[in-house]
Amino acid sequence: MALTERERQILKKIEQNPMISQNELAEWCGITRSGVAAHISNLMKKGYIQGKGYVLTPPRYVAVIGAINMDVYGIADNDVVGESSNVGSIVSTVGGIARNVSFNLGHLGVRNYLISVYGDDEDGEHVRSDSFANGIDITYCRQLPNASTSRYLSVVDADGKQIVALDDMKISESITPEFLEQREPVIVNAEAVVIDSSLPSQTLAWVCSKVSRPIFARVVSVNKAERLVPVLGNVDTLVLSEAESQLISGIAVHDERTAHTCMEALAKAGVKHALMFVQGLGLIYRGDEETVTVPLPKGDSHALQLENGAASGAMSALLWARMEGRNDVESARLAAAAASLSMRQVPAVFPDLDAHALFECVGLSVADDR
């Protein structure tokens, strides 16, 4: 939202002295203290100031809107036998598409605000402590009373391949247009906005009607993919898998040729850039100038290759690469690196993610960069 000339003057003075009082501002501006208070309130509503103490909103940041989950993984030790108990490990960790993207962006040095909901249960307290521990800004999240935090259950075989997954994400229905309207300034002033298809259809439509900056959208599961179809023309960058391709574009993807056909259909629908994971190929990225196919860098051959965090890692790296001004080939390689790193441990994020880790994963040193 645009600033008035008086608001610009007050904001500049606060930037010079964040501890300045309203009385001092009033004297400097030649207006009353109550007049200053009104301007401060407007600056907060427009997203330029965060709460008390005149904490200034960073000039460049990303708004990440979507789910926070408690992820529960059941990992079999051996081949899974149906209709029977199987020996394995059960691991719980904080996750969710939006939370994972927020984590990744923060580790890549991209300031961002996570906009989501979580419950007032034990899992909700895990969400809070995890956010503080990992520097995830949940200022614009809400802990809902008498509500259960979203849960995601994934059962994988001994090689890390998912057998089945269940999600209990009813709380995400609370991320309504009305909920986002209270956070509108921080959303519309963002450098880019991230959304995922776990959001209600009306919420996706609201975001796309309000945001003029690039929207990065992540397709989440085949049963929620179609929620994004009505707003494809507003999406700058779409991240999806071959399993979700037919529901989004009407084209079933099973090889590189059909992947390119799918991306052409997405482009006709208005999607400017697309990244797709294709089994046996890696990822295919349709950028500004060219379409690039990149295999996923190999990790330890004896380690699990859990796919749950791959797409969020790739999306995060793509967005970071965009803000860094990188070309299509660089962006695709860095996205593949982030996906590979995200698959190397049970939590869906790589704990030591940063630019150095991405460059090393693709065989570059920071000295080679640029």
Protein backbone atom coordinates (compact mmCIF):
# COMPACT_ATOMS: atom_id res chain seq x y z
CA MET A 1 0.00 0.00 0.00
CA ALA A 2 1.24 3.49 -0.85
CA LEU A 3 2.50 5.84 1.84
CA THR A 4 1.46 9.44 2.33
CA GLU A 5 4.19 12.07 2.39
CA ARG A 6 3.80 12.46 6.17
CA GLU A 7 4.06 8.71 6.67
CA ARG A 8 7.26 8.68 4.60
CA GLN A 9 8.72 11.43 6.79
CA ILE A 10 7.86 9.59 10.00
CA LEU A 11 9.16 6.27 8.67
CA LYS A 12 12.46 7.86 7.63
CA LYS A 13 12.86 9.39 11.10
CA ILE A 14 12.17 6.03 12.75
CA GLU A 15 14.73 4.37 10.47
CA GLN A 16 17.29 6.89 11.71
CA ASN A 17 16.31 6.42 15.37
CA PRO A 18 14.13 3.35 16.14
CA MET A 19 13.96 4.43 19.81
CA ILE A 20 12.46 7.84 19.10
CA SER A 21 9.32 8.66 21.14
CA GLN A 22 5.98 9.78 19.77
CA ASN A 23 6.42 13.12 21.56
CA GLU A 24 9.76 13.63 19.80
CA LEU A 25 8.19 12.71 16.47
CA ALA A 26 5.33 15.12 17.11
CA GLU A 27 7.75 17.96 17.87
CA TRP A 28 9.84 17.19 14.78
CA CYS A 29 6.76 16.98 12.51
CA GLY A 30 4.99 19.95 14.05
CA ILE A 31 1.84 17.96 14.75
CA THR A 32 0.14 16.56 17.85
CA ARG A 33 1.20 13.33 19.56
CA SER A 34 -2.23 11.85 18.75
CA GLY A 35 -1.61 12.71 15.11
CA VAL A 36 1.69 10.83 15.22
CA ALA A 37 -0.06 7.88 16.85
CA ALA A 38 -2.54 7.76 13.97
CA HIS A 39 0.29 7.74 11.41
CA ILE A 40 2.12 5.00 13.35
CA SER A 41 -1.05 2.93 13.35
CA ASN A 42 -1.35 3.31 9.57
CA LEU A 43 2.30 2.29 9.10
CA MET A 44 1.63 -0.85 11.13
CA LYS A 45 -1.50 -1.67 9.12
CA LYS A 46 0.45 -1.22 5.88
CA GLY A 47 3.17 -3.58 7.07
CA TYR A 48 6.05 -1.10 7.36
CA ILE A 49 6.31 -1.34 11.15
CA GLN A 50 5.90 -4.47 13.27
CA GLY A 51 4.26 -3.78 16.59
CA LYS A 52 5.68 -1.86 19.51
CA GLY A 53 9.22 -0.53 19.56
CA TYR A 54 9.06 0.50 15.90
CA VAL A 55 10.58 -2.73 14.60
CA LEU A 56 10.81 -1.94 10.90
CA THR A 57 9.67 -4.40 8.28
CA PRO A 58 12.65 -5.41 6.08
CA PRO A 59 12.58 -3.79 2.63
CA ARG A 60 12.57 -7.21 0.90
CA TYR A 61 10.77 -10.21 2.29
CA VAL A 62 8.58 -13.13 1.24
CA ALA A 63 5.15 -14.05 2.60
CA VAL A 64 4.67 -17.82 2.97
CA ILE A 65 1.04 -18.90 3.34
CA GLY A 66 0.04 -22.49 4.01
CA ALA A 67 0.25 -25.44 6.34
CA ILE A 68 2.21 -26.22 9.46
CA ASN A 69 2.09 -29.92 10.33
CA MET A 70 3.38 -32.35 12.84
CA ASP A 71 4.89 -34.94 10.49
CA VAL A 72 4.86 -38.57 11.64
CA TYR A 73 6.96 -41.05 9.67
CA GLY A 74 6.72 -44.82 9.88
CA ILE A 75 9.87 -46.29 8.32
CA ALA A 76 9.97 -50.06 7.74
CA ASP A 77 13.18 -51.96 8.45
CA ASN A 78 12.42 -54.62 5.81
CA ASP A 79 10.00 -55.35 2.99
CA VAL A 80 6.51 -54.39 4.12
CA VAL A 81 4.02 -57.19 4.63
CA GLY A 82 0.43 -56.12 4.05
CA GLU A 83 -2.29 -56.65 6.67
CA SER A 84 0.33 -57.25 9.33
CA SER A 85 2.51 -55.41 11.82
CA ASN A 86 5.95 -54.51 10.47
CA VAL A 87 9.14 -53.77 12.38
CA GLY A 88 10.41 -50.23 11.87
CA SER A 89 10.92 -46.77 13.34
CA ILE A 90 8.36 -44.06 14.07
CA VAL A 91 9.64 -40.48 14.03
CA SER A 92 7.80 -37.20 14.68
CA THR A 93 9.01 -33.80 13.52
CA VAL A 94 7.54 -30.38 12.79
CA GLY A 95 6.87 -29.92 9.07
CA GLY A 96 4.26 -28.77 6.58
CA ILE A 97 4.82 -27.22 3.15
CA ALA A 98 4.70 -23.59 4.27
CA ARG A 99 6.74 -24.20 7.41
CA ASN A 100 9.40 -26.09 5.44
CA VAL A 101 9.64 -23.35 2.79
CA SER A 102 9.91 -20.74 5.54
CA PHE A 103 12.69 -22.74 7.21
CA ASN A 104 14.58 -23.16 3.92
CA LEU A 105 14.28 -19.52 2.88
CA GLY A 106 15.50 -18.36 6.28
CA HIS A 107 18.57 -20.59 6.02
CA LEU A 108 19.25 -19.18 2.56
CA GLY A 109 19.16 -15.65 3.96
CA VAL A 110 15.72 -14.68 2.62
CA ARG A 111 13.67 -12.82 5.20
CA ASN A 112 10.12 -14.21 5.31
CA TYR A 113 6.93 -14.31 7.34
CA LEU A 114 5.06 -17.56 7.84
CA ILE A 115 1.28 -17.08 7.76
CA SER A 116 -0.56 -20.10 9.09
CA VAL A 117 -2.51 -21.59 12.00
CA TYR A 118 -1.79 -24.24 14.61
CA GLY A 119 -3.60 -25.66 17.62
CA ASP A 120 -3.33 -25.10 21.34
CA ASP A 121 -2.39 -28.75 21.89
CA GLU A 122 0.98 -30.36 22.63
CA ASP A 123 1.85 -30.35 18.93
CA GLY A 124 1.13 -26.62 18.84
CA GLU A 125 3.68 -26.06 21.56
CA HIS A 126 6.18 -28.06 19.50
CA VAL A 127 5.43 -25.71 16.59
CA ARG A 128 6.14 -22.65 18.75
CA SER A 129 9.41 -23.99 20.18
CA ASP A 130 10.55 -25.21 16.75
CA SER A 131 9.88 -21.77 15.26
CA PHE A 132 11.87 -19.98 17.92
CA ALA A 133 14.72 -22.50 17.67
CA ASN A 134 14.96 -22.15 13.88
CA GLY A 135 14.33 -18.43 13.50
CA ILE A 136 10.96 -18.88 11.78
CA ASP A 137 8.90 -15.71 12.14
CA ILE A 138 5.38 -16.69 13.24
CA THR A 139 4.26 -13.15 14.07
CA TYR A 140 1.40 -13.48 11.59
CA CYS A 141 0.41 -17.03 12.53
CA ARG A 142 -2.40 -17.75 14.96
CA GLN A 143 -2.67 -20.42 17.64
CA LEU A 144 -6.33 -21.44 17.59
CA PRO A 145 -8.04 -22.34 20.87
CA ASN A 146 -9.62 -25.80 21.22
CA ALA A 147 -8.08 -26.89 17.93
CA SER A 148 -5.74 -29.71 16.94
CA THR A 149 -2.55 -28.93 15.05
CA SER A 150 -2.43 -30.39 11.55
CA ARG A 151 -0.87 -33.86 11.30
CA TYR A 152 0.65 -35.72 8.37
CA LEU A 153 1.37 -39.47 8.53
CA SER A 154 3.67 -41.12 6.00
CA VAL A 155 4.54 -44.81 5.84
CA VAL A 156 7.62 -45.66 3.77
CA ASP A 157 9.43 -48.86 2.91
CA ALA A 158 13.03 -49.70 3.79
CA ASP A 159 14.28 -47.74 0.75
CA GLY A 160 12.35 -44.62 1.69
CA LYS A 161 9.65 -44.99 -0.98
CA GLN A 162 6.26 -43.87 0.29
CA ILE A 163 3.62 -46.59 0.53
CA VAL A 164 0.75 -44.48 1.81
CA ALA A 165 0.17 -41.13 3.49
CA LEU A 166 -2.72 -39.64 5.46
CA ASP A 167 -3.27 -36.06 6.47
CA ASP A 168 -5.50 -34.54 9.12
CA MET A 169 -5.40 -30.87 8.09
CA LYS A 170 -8.88 -29.67 9.04
CA ILE A 171 -7.36 -26.70 10.86
CA SER A 172 -6.08 -25.33 7.54
CA GLU A 173 -9.69 -24.54 6.62
CA SER A 174 -9.32 -21.68 9.15
CA ILE A 175 -6.93 -19.91 6.76
CA THR A 176 -9.82 -18.05 5.19
CA PRO A 177 -9.93 -14.82 3.20
CA GLU A 178 -11.14 -13.13 6.39
CA PHE A 179 -8.08 -14.45 8.24
CA LEU A 180 -5.78 -13.13 5.53
CA GLU A 181 -7.52 -9.76 5.31
CA GLN A 182 -6.19 -9.03 8.81
CA ARG A 183 -2.70 -9.65 7.39
CA GLU A 184 -3.24 -8.05 3.98
CA PRO A 185 -0.52 -5.37 4.18
CA VAL A 186 2.27 -7.85 4.90
CA ILE A 187 1.02 -10.07 2.05
CA VAL A 188 0.62 -7.44 -0.68
CA ASN A 189 3.92 -5.72 0.19
CA ALA A 190 5.96 -8.92 -0.06
CA GLU A 191 8.58 -9.37 -2.77
CA ALA A 192 6.94 -12.72 -3.56
CA VAL A 193 4.20 -14.88 -2.06
CA VAL A 194 4.27 -18.66 -1.59
CA ILE A 195 1.03 -20.68 -1.47
CA ASP A 196 0.15 -24.36 -1.59
CA SER A 197 -2.96 -26.28 -2.64
CA SER A 198 -3.79 -27.34 0.91
CA LEU A 199 -5.37 -23.89 1.27
CA PRO A 200 -9.14 -23.58 0.70
CA SER A 201 -10.13 -22.68 -2.85
CA GLN A 202 -11.59 -19.33 -1.82
CA THR A 203 -8.36 -18.47 -0.01
CA LEU A 204 -6.26 -19.24 -3.07
CA ALA A 205 -8.57 -17.01 -5.11
CA TRP A 206 -8.27 -14.19 -2.55
CA VAL A 207 -4.45 -14.29 -2.61
CA CYS A 208 -4.35 -14.28 -6.39
CA SER A 209 -6.78 -11.36 -6.58
CA LYS A 210 -4.75 -9.23 -4.15
CA VAL A 211 -1.11 -9.95 -4.99
CA SER A 212 0.67 -8.26 -7.89
CA ARG A 213 4.14 -9.67 -7.10
CA PRO A 214 5.26 -13.19 -8.19
CA ILE A 215 3.25 -16.05 -6.71
CA PHE A 216 5.03 -19.37 -6.21
CA ALA A 217 2.56 -22.25 -5.88
CA ARG A 218 3.19 -25.79 -4.71
CA VAL A 219 0.81 -28.57 -5.72
CA VAL A 220 0.11 -30.73 -2.66
CA SER A 221 -1.23 -34.26 -3.31
CA VAL A 222 -3.53 -35.48 -6.05
CA ASN A 223 -6.68 -34.95 -3.98
CA LYS A 224 -6.00 -31.21 -3.57
CA ALA A 225 -4.28 -30.41 -6.86
CA GLU A 226 -7.38 -29.17 -8.68
CA ARG A 227 -7.83 -26.29 -6.21
CA LEU A 228 -5.10 -24.43 -8.12
CA VAL A 229 -6.63 -24.87 -11.58
CA PRO A 230 -8.89 -21.77 -11.45
CA VAL A 231 -5.98 -19.49 -10.51
CA LEU A 232 -3.22 -20.83 -12.78
CA GLY A 233 -3.19 -17.61 -14.75
CA ASN A 234 -2.01 -15.76 -11.63
CA VAL A 235 0.82 -18.18 -10.83
CA ASP A 236 4.38 -17.15 -11.66
CA THR A 237 6.04 -20.43 -10.70
CA LEU A 238 4.33 -23.81 -10.22
CA VAL A 239 6.03 -26.79 -8.56
CA LEU A 240 4.45 -30.22 -9.04
CA SER A 241 5.12 -33.91 -9.58
CA GLU A 242 4.28 -36.12 -12.54
CA ALA A 243 1.51 -37.74 -10.45
CA GLU A 244 -0.23 -34.36 -10.15
CA SER A 245 0.28 -33.27 -13.75
CA GLN A 246 -2.90 -34.67 -15.29
CA LEU A 247 -5.13 -33.07 -12.66
CA ILE A 248 -3.50 -29.68 -13.22
CA SER A 249 -2.99 -29.69 -17.00
CA GLY A 250 -5.05 -32.58 -18.34
CA ILE A 251 -1.86 -34.26 -19.57
CA ALA A 252 -0.48 -37.43 -18.01
CA VAL A 253 3.31 -37.27 -17.66
CA HIS A 254 5.40 -40.42 -17.89
CA ASP A 255 8.57 -39.28 -19.67
CA GLU A 256 10.47 -36.18 -20.77
CA ARG A 257 8.40 -35.65 -23.91
CA THR A 258 5.07 -35.64 -22.09
CA ALA A 259 6.58 -33.42 -19.38
CA HIS A 260 7.39 -30.81 -22.02
CA THR A 261 3.86 -31.11 -23.44
CA CYS A 262 2.46 -30.57 -19.95
CA MET A 263 4.60 -27.49 -19.44
CA GLU A 264 3.44 -26.05 -22.75
CA ALA A 265 -0.16 -26.51 -21.58
CA LEU A 266 0.64 -24.81 -18.28
CA ALA A 267 2.21 -21.90 -20.17
CA LYS A 268 -0.97 -21.52 -22.26
CA ALA A 269 -2.90 -21.40 -18.97
CA GLY A 270 -0.74 -18.48 -17.87
CA VAL A 271 1.91 -20.15 -15.69
CA LYS A 272 5.18 -18.35 -16.40
CA HIS A 273 7.57 -20.91 -14.94
CA ALA A 274 7.12 -24.55 -13.93
CA LEU A 275 9.22 -27.14 -12.15
CA MET A 276 8.24 -30.79 -12.29
CA PHE A 277 9.68 -33.90 -10.68
CA VAL A 278 9.70 -36.84 -13.10
CA GLN A 279 10.59 -40.34 -11.93
CA GLY A 280 13.90 -41.53 -13.38
CA LEU A 281 14.80 -38.09 -14.81
CA GLY A 282 15.06 -35.76 -11.84
CA LEU A 283 13.49 -32.36 -12.31
CA ILE A 284 12.52 -30.35 -15.37
CA TYR A 285 12.40 -26.57 -15.10
CA ARG A 286 10.77 -24.28 -17.63
CA GLY A 287 12.36 -20.88 -17.07
CA ASP A 288 12.42 -17.53 -18.82
CA GLU A 289 14.67 -18.54 -21.71
CA GLU A 290 14.86 -22.32 -21.81
CA THR A 291 13.65 -25.62 -20.38
CA VAL A 292 16.28 -27.49 -18.38
CA THR A 293 16.39 -31.13 -17.28
CA VAL A 294 18.58 -31.80 -14.23
CA PRO A 295 19.11 -35.15 -12.47
CA LEU A 296 19.03 -35.04 -8.70
CA PRO A 297 22.55 -35.10 -7.22
CA LYS A 298 23.24 -38.45 -5.57
CA GLY A 299 23.70 -38.70 -1.83
CA ASP A 300 24.98 -41.64 0.18
CA SER A 301 23.88 -44.74 -1.74
CA HIS A 302 23.12 -46.51 1.55
CA ALA A 303 20.98 -43.71 2.96
CA LEU A 304 17.23 -43.33 2.74
CA GLN A 305 15.96 -41.08 -0.01
CA LEU A 306 12.77 -39.66 1.51
CA GLU A 307 10.88 -37.58 -1.04
CA ASN A 308 8.59 -35.63 1.30
CA GLY A 309 10.70 -32.46 1.47
CA ALA A 310 12.12 -32.46 -2.06
CA ALA A 311 9.56 -30.16 -3.71
CA SER A 312 9.62 -27.63 -0.86
CA GLY A 313 13.42 -27.58 -1.01
CA ALA A 314 13.38 -27.05 -4.76
CA MET A 315 10.79 -24.28 -4.54
CA SER A 316 12.75 -22.50 -1.83
CA ALA A 317 15.96 -22.62 -3.88
CA LEU A 318 14.14 -21.40 -7.01
CA LEU A 319 12.74 -18.41 -5.15
CA TRP A 320 16.13 -17.62 -3.61
CA ALA A 321 17.79 -17.96 -7.04
CA ARG A 322 15.19 -15.57 -8.52
CA MET A 323 15.97 -12.97 -5.87
CA GLU A 324 19.67 -13.48 -6.59
CA GLY A 325 19.12 -12.86 -10.31
CA ARG A 326 20.34 -16.27 -11.47
CA ASN A 327 19.69 -17.73 -14.91
CA ASP A 328 17.53 -20.74 -15.75
CA VAL A 329 20.33 -23.33 -15.73
CA GLU A 330 21.76 -22.12 -12.42
CA SER A 331 18.30 -21.98 -10.90
CA ALA A 332 17.45 -25.51 -11.99
CA ARG A 333 20.74 -26.94 -10.70
CA LEU A 334 20.38 -25.22 -7.35
CA ALA A 335 16.76 -26.39 -7.06
CA ALA A 336 17.90 -29.96 -7.74
CA ALA A 337 20.58 -29.60 -5.08
CA ALA A 338 18.06 -28.38 -2.51
CA ALA A 339 15.73 -31.26 -3.35
CA SER A 340 18.53 -33.79 -2.97
CA LEU A 341 19.67 -32.38 0.37
CA SER A 342 16.09 -32.39 1.66
CA MET A 343 15.82 -36.13 0.94
CA ARG A 344 18.82 -37.16 3.03
CA GLN A 345 17.21 -37.28 6.48
CA VAL A 346 13.85 -38.00 8.04
CA PRO A 347 12.84 -34.37 8.67
CA ALA A 348 11.76 -32.77 5.39
CA VAL A 349 14.37 -30.00 5.63
CA PHE A 350 18.16 -30.18 5.51
CA PRO A 351 19.29 -28.73 8.87
CA ASP A 352 22.50 -27.17 7.52
CA LEU A 353 21.03 -25.70 4.35
CA ASP A 354 22.74 -22.57 3.04
CA ALA A 355 24.25 -21.32 -0.21
CA HIS A 356 27.54 -23.14 0.49
CA ALA A 357 25.70 -26.46 0.86
CA LEU A 358 23.88 -25.97 -2.44
CA PHE A 359 27.04 -25.09 -4.35
CA GLU A 360 28.90 -28.04 -2.85
CA CYS A 361 26.05 -30.40 -3.76
CA VAL A 362 26.32 -29.45 -7.46
CA GLY A 363 30.12 -29.56 -7.43
CA LEU A 364 30.83 -25.85 -7.16
CA SER A 365 32.66 -23.83 -4.59
CA VAL A 366 31.61 -20.37 -3.54
CA ALA A 367 34.73 -19.11 -5.30
CA ASP A 368 33.41 -20.60 -8.57
CA ASP A 369 30.06 -18.87 -8.18
CA ARG A 370 29.42 -16.01 -10.60
